[in-house]
């Protein structure tokens, strides 16, 4: 997939609430929208590398949107969303193949590279 927007790399600093994150881009702190308000404690840890997309608009409260780093595997969060975790396990039990893939993320594209473990 080719990305057609302005991307920046930064360092995650903190997340004062579930909708925003403070990110350091080349020594300057910016406030970024967090598109996923749920399970991110494992990803958004202090000093984690993040990629942001820049969306300048007078209609937006923030100019950036956090994008996430590579995952080593996939596991539904049974504590945060037990219904989803249950449905994934039910699907696997009846023969649905549950797949997860690692991606290489560049400023202008995302490429699927290899399969990663699904932990149920």
C-alpha atoms as a PDB file:
ATOM      1  CA  UNK A   1       0.000   0.000   0.000  1.00  0.00           C
ATOM      2  CA  UNK A   2       1.362   3.410  -0.930  1.00  0.00           C
ATOM      3  CA  UNK A   3       0.785   6.186   1.599  1.00  0.00           C
ATOM      4  CA  UNK A   4      -0.063   9.571   0.139  1.00  0.00           C
ATOM      5  CA  UNK A   5       0.376  11.794   3.166  1.00  0.00           C
ATOM      6  CA  UNK A   6       3.161  13.553   4.984  1.00  0.00           C
ATOM      7  CA  UNK A   7       4.750  11.228   7.556  1.00  0.00           C
ATOM      8  CA  UNK A   8       7.139  11.937  10.424  1.00  0.00           C
ATOM      9  CA  UNK A   9       9.006   9.749  12.897  1.00  0.00           C
ATOM     10  CA  UNK A  10       9.104  10.646  16.557  1.00  0.00           C
ATOM     11  CA  UNK A  11       9.482   9.442  20.126  1.00  0.00           C
ATOM     12  CA  UNK A  12       6.440   8.797  22.297  1.00  0.00           C
ATOM     13  CA  UNK A  13       6.592  10.789  25.546  1.00  0.00           C
ATOM     14  CA  UNK A  14       3.232  10.379  27.272  1.00  0.00           C
ATOM     15  CA  UNK A  15      -0.490   9.964  26.843  1.00  0.00           C
ATOM     16  CA  UNK A  16      -2.435  12.308  29.111  1.00  0.00           C
ATOM     17  CA  UNK A  17      -5.747  10.838  27.961  1.00  0.00           C
ATOM     18  CA  UNK A  18      -7.003   8.179  25.594  1.00  0.00           C
ATOM     19  CA  UNK A  19      -7.389  10.551  22.644  1.00  0.00           C
ATOM     20  CA  UNK A  20      -4.016  12.331  22.530  1.00  0.00           C
ATOM     21  CA  UNK A  21      -0.310  11.615  22.860  1.00  0.00           C
ATOM     22  CA  UNK A  22       2.681  13.885  23.266  1.00  0.00           C
ATOM     23  CA  UNK A  23       5.378  13.061  20.727  1.00  0.00           C
ATOM     24  CA  UNK A  24       8.896  14.443  20.326  1.00  0.00           C
ATOM     25  CA  UNK A  25       9.783  15.146  16.694  1.00  0.00           C
ATOM     26  CA  UNK A  26      13.395  16.343  16.356  1.00  0.00           C
ATOM     27  CA  UNK A  27      13.361  17.999  19.792  1.00  0.00           C
ATOM     28  CA  UNK A  28       9.949  19.632  19.386  1.00  0.00           C
ATOM     29  CA  UNK A  29       6.939  18.269  21.261  1.00  0.00           C
ATOM     30  CA  UNK A  30       3.739  17.906  19.230  1.00  0.00           C
ATOM     31  CA  UNK A  31       0.292  16.779  20.296  1.00  0.00           C
ATOM     32  CA  UNK A  32      -1.081  13.925  18.233  1.00  0.00           C
ATOM     33  CA  UNK A  33      -4.470  12.289  17.936  1.00  0.00           C
ATOM     34  CA  UNK A  34      -4.517   8.605  18.982  1.00  0.00           C
ATOM     35  CA  UNK A  35      -6.887   6.763  16.602  1.00  0.00           C
ATOM     36  CA  UNK A  36      -7.249   3.727  18.873  1.00  0.00           C
ATOM     37  CA  UNK A  37      -8.531   4.612  22.329  1.00  0.00           C
ATOM     38  CA  UNK A  38      -8.237   1.063  23.636  1.00  0.00           C
ATOM     39  CA  UNK A  39      -5.433  -1.406  24.213  1.00  0.00           C
ATOM     40  CA  UNK A  40      -2.200   0.477  23.660  1.00  0.00           C
ATOM     41  CA  UNK A  41      -0.291   0.207  26.946  1.00  0.00           C
ATOM     42  CA  UNK A  42       1.898  -2.461  25.341  1.00  0.00           C
ATOM     43  CA  UNK A  43       2.723  -0.192  22.394  1.00  0.00           C
ATOM     44  CA  UNK A  44       2.768   3.348  23.746  1.00  0.00           C
ATOM     45  CA  UNK A  45       5.555   3.114  26.290  1.00  0.00           C
ATOM     46  CA  UNK A  46       7.907   6.033  27.024  1.00  0.00           C
ATOM     47  CA  UNK A  47      10.626   6.430  24.366  1.00  0.00           C
ATOM     48  CA  UNK A  48       8.895   4.122  21.859  1.00  0.00           C
ATOM     49  CA  UNK A  49       9.443   5.031  18.208  1.00  0.00           C
ATOM     50  CA  UNK A  50       6.254   6.059  16.449  1.00  0.00           C
ATOM     51  CA  UNK A  51       5.294   7.248  13.009  1.00  0.00           C
ATOM     52  CA  UNK A  52       2.873  10.140  12.624  1.00  0.00           C
ATOM     53  CA  UNK A  53       0.917  11.356   9.686  1.00  0.00           C
ATOM     54  CA  UNK A  54       0.616  15.126   9.322  1.00  0.00           C
ATOM     55  CA  UNK A  55      -2.821  16.475   8.438  1.00  0.00           C
ATOM     56  CA  UNK A  56      -2.846  20.275   8.538  1.00  0.00           C
ATOM     57  CA  UNK A  57      -6.408  21.542   8.633  1.00  0.00           C
ATOM     58  CA  UNK A  58      -8.205  24.331  10.429  1.00  0.00           C
ATOM     59  CA  UNK A  59     -10.995  21.827  11.156  1.00  0.00           C
ATOM     60  CA  UNK A  60      -8.767  19.504  13.216  1.00  0.00           C
ATOM     61  CA  UNK A  61      -7.841  19.858  16.885  1.00  0.00           C
ATOM     62  CA  UNK A  62      -4.504  18.112  16.271  1.00  0.00           C
ATOM     63  CA  UNK A  63      -2.279  18.123  13.195  1.00  0.00           C
ATOM     64  CA  UNK A  64      -0.852  14.581  13.631  1.00  0.00           C
ATOM     65  CA  UNK A  65      -2.222  11.000  13.931  1.00  0.00           C
ATOM     66  CA  UNK A  66      -0.105   8.330  15.643  1.00  0.00           C
ATOM     67  CA  UNK A  67       0.642   5.213  13.598  1.00  0.00           C
ATOM     68  CA  UNK A  68       2.053   2.129  15.254  1.00  0.00           C
ATOM     69  CA  UNK A  69       5.271   0.142  15.144  1.00  0.00           C
ATOM     70  CA  UNK A  70       5.669  -3.493  14.082  1.00  0.00           C
ATOM     71  CA  UNK A  71       4.065  -6.220  16.177  1.00  0.00           C
ATOM     72  CA  UNK A  72       5.793  -9.482  17.101  1.00  0.00           C
ATOM     73  CA  UNK A  73       2.500 -11.362  17.231  1.00  0.00           C
ATOM     74  CA  UNK A  74      -1.247 -11.041  17.639  1.00  0.00           C
ATOM     75  CA  UNK A  75      -3.356 -11.943  20.625  1.00  0.00           C
ATOM     76  CA  UNK A  76      -6.871 -10.724  21.379  1.00  0.00           C
ATOM     77  CA  UNK A  77      -7.008  -8.866  24.689  1.00  0.00           C
ATOM     78  CA  UNK A  78      -9.306 -11.009  26.834  1.00  0.00           C
ATOM     79  CA  UNK A  79      -9.456  -8.409  29.601  1.00  0.00           C
ATOM     80  CA  UNK A  80     -10.303  -5.393  27.425  1.00  0.00           C
ATOM     81  CA  UNK A  81     -12.579  -7.131  24.905  1.00  0.00           C
ATOM     82  CA  UNK A  82     -13.612 -10.602  26.097  1.00  0.00           C
ATOM     83  CA  UNK A  83     -16.358 -10.858  23.465  1.00  0.00           C
ATOM     84  CA  UNK A  84     -13.906 -10.359  20.584  1.00  0.00           C
ATOM     85  CA  UNK A  85     -11.400 -12.808  22.089  1.00  0.00           C
ATOM     86  CA  UNK A  86     -14.163 -15.397  22.496  1.00  0.00           C
ATOM     87  CA  UNK A  87     -15.344 -14.984  18.882  1.00  0.00           C
ATOM     88  CA  UNK A  88     -11.793 -15.332  17.511  1.00  0.00           C
ATOM     89  CA  UNK A  89     -11.343 -18.554  19.488  1.00  0.00           C
ATOM     90  CA  UNK A  90     -14.753 -19.843  18.364  1.00  0.00           C
ATOM     91  CA  UNK A  91     -13.880 -19.100  14.744  1.00  0.00           C
ATOM     92  CA  UNK A  92     -10.585 -20.968  15.053  1.00  0.00           C
ATOM     93  CA  UNK A  93     -12.362 -23.905  16.695  1.00  0.00           C
ATOM     94  CA  UNK A  94     -14.742 -24.293  13.712  1.00  0.00           C
ATOM     95  CA  UNK A  95     -11.898 -24.175  11.202  1.00  0.00           C
ATOM     96  CA  UNK A  96     -11.365 -20.494  10.372  1.00  0.00           C
ATOM     97  CA  UNK A  97      -7.657 -19.852   9.835  1.00  0.00           C
ATOM     98  CA  UNK A  98      -6.642 -16.865  11.966  1.00  0.00           C
ATOM     99  CA  UNK A  99      -3.679 -15.060  10.374  1.00  0.00           C
ATOM    100  CA  UNK A 100      -1.432 -12.191  11.428  1.00  0.00           C
ATOM    101  CA  UNK A 101       1.348 -10.513   9.451  1.00  0.00           C
ATOM    102  CA  UNK A 102       4.332  -8.234  10.118  1.00  0.00           C
ATOM    103  CA  UNK A 103       4.653  -5.145   7.977  1.00  0.00           C
ATOM    104  CA  UNK A 104       7.509  -2.857   7.021  1.00  0.00           C
ATOM    105  CA  UNK A 105       6.372   0.720   7.466  1.00  0.00           C
ATOM    106  CA  UNK A 106       8.127   3.446   5.500  1.00  0.00           C
ATOM    107  CA  UNK A 107       7.192   7.112   5.241  1.00  0.00           C
ATOM    108  CA  UNK A 108       5.372   6.503   1.963  1.00  0.00           C
ATOM    109  CA  UNK A 109       4.295   2.847   1.985  1.00  0.00           C
ATOM    110  CA  UNK A 110       3.429  -0.231   4.007  1.00  0.00           C
ATOM    111  CA  UNK A 111       4.455  -3.715   2.826  1.00  0.00           C
ATOM    112  CA  UNK A 112       3.406  -7.036   4.321  1.00  0.00           C
ATOM    113  CA  UNK A 113       6.584  -9.038   4.908  1.00  0.00           C
ATOM    114  CA  UNK A 114       5.979 -12.207   6.883  1.00  0.00           C
ATOM    115  CA  UNK A 115       3.507 -14.134   8.948  1.00  0.00           C
ATOM    116  CA  UNK A 116       3.666 -13.651  12.736  1.00  0.00           C
ATOM    117  CA  UNK A 117       2.274 -15.872  15.480  1.00  0.00           C
ATOM    118  CA  UNK A 118      -1.334 -15.751  16.568  1.00  0.00           C
ATOM    119  CA  UNK A 119      -1.514 -16.484  20.294  1.00  0.00           C
ATOM    120  CA  UNK A 120      -4.927 -17.684  21.460  1.00  0.00           C
END
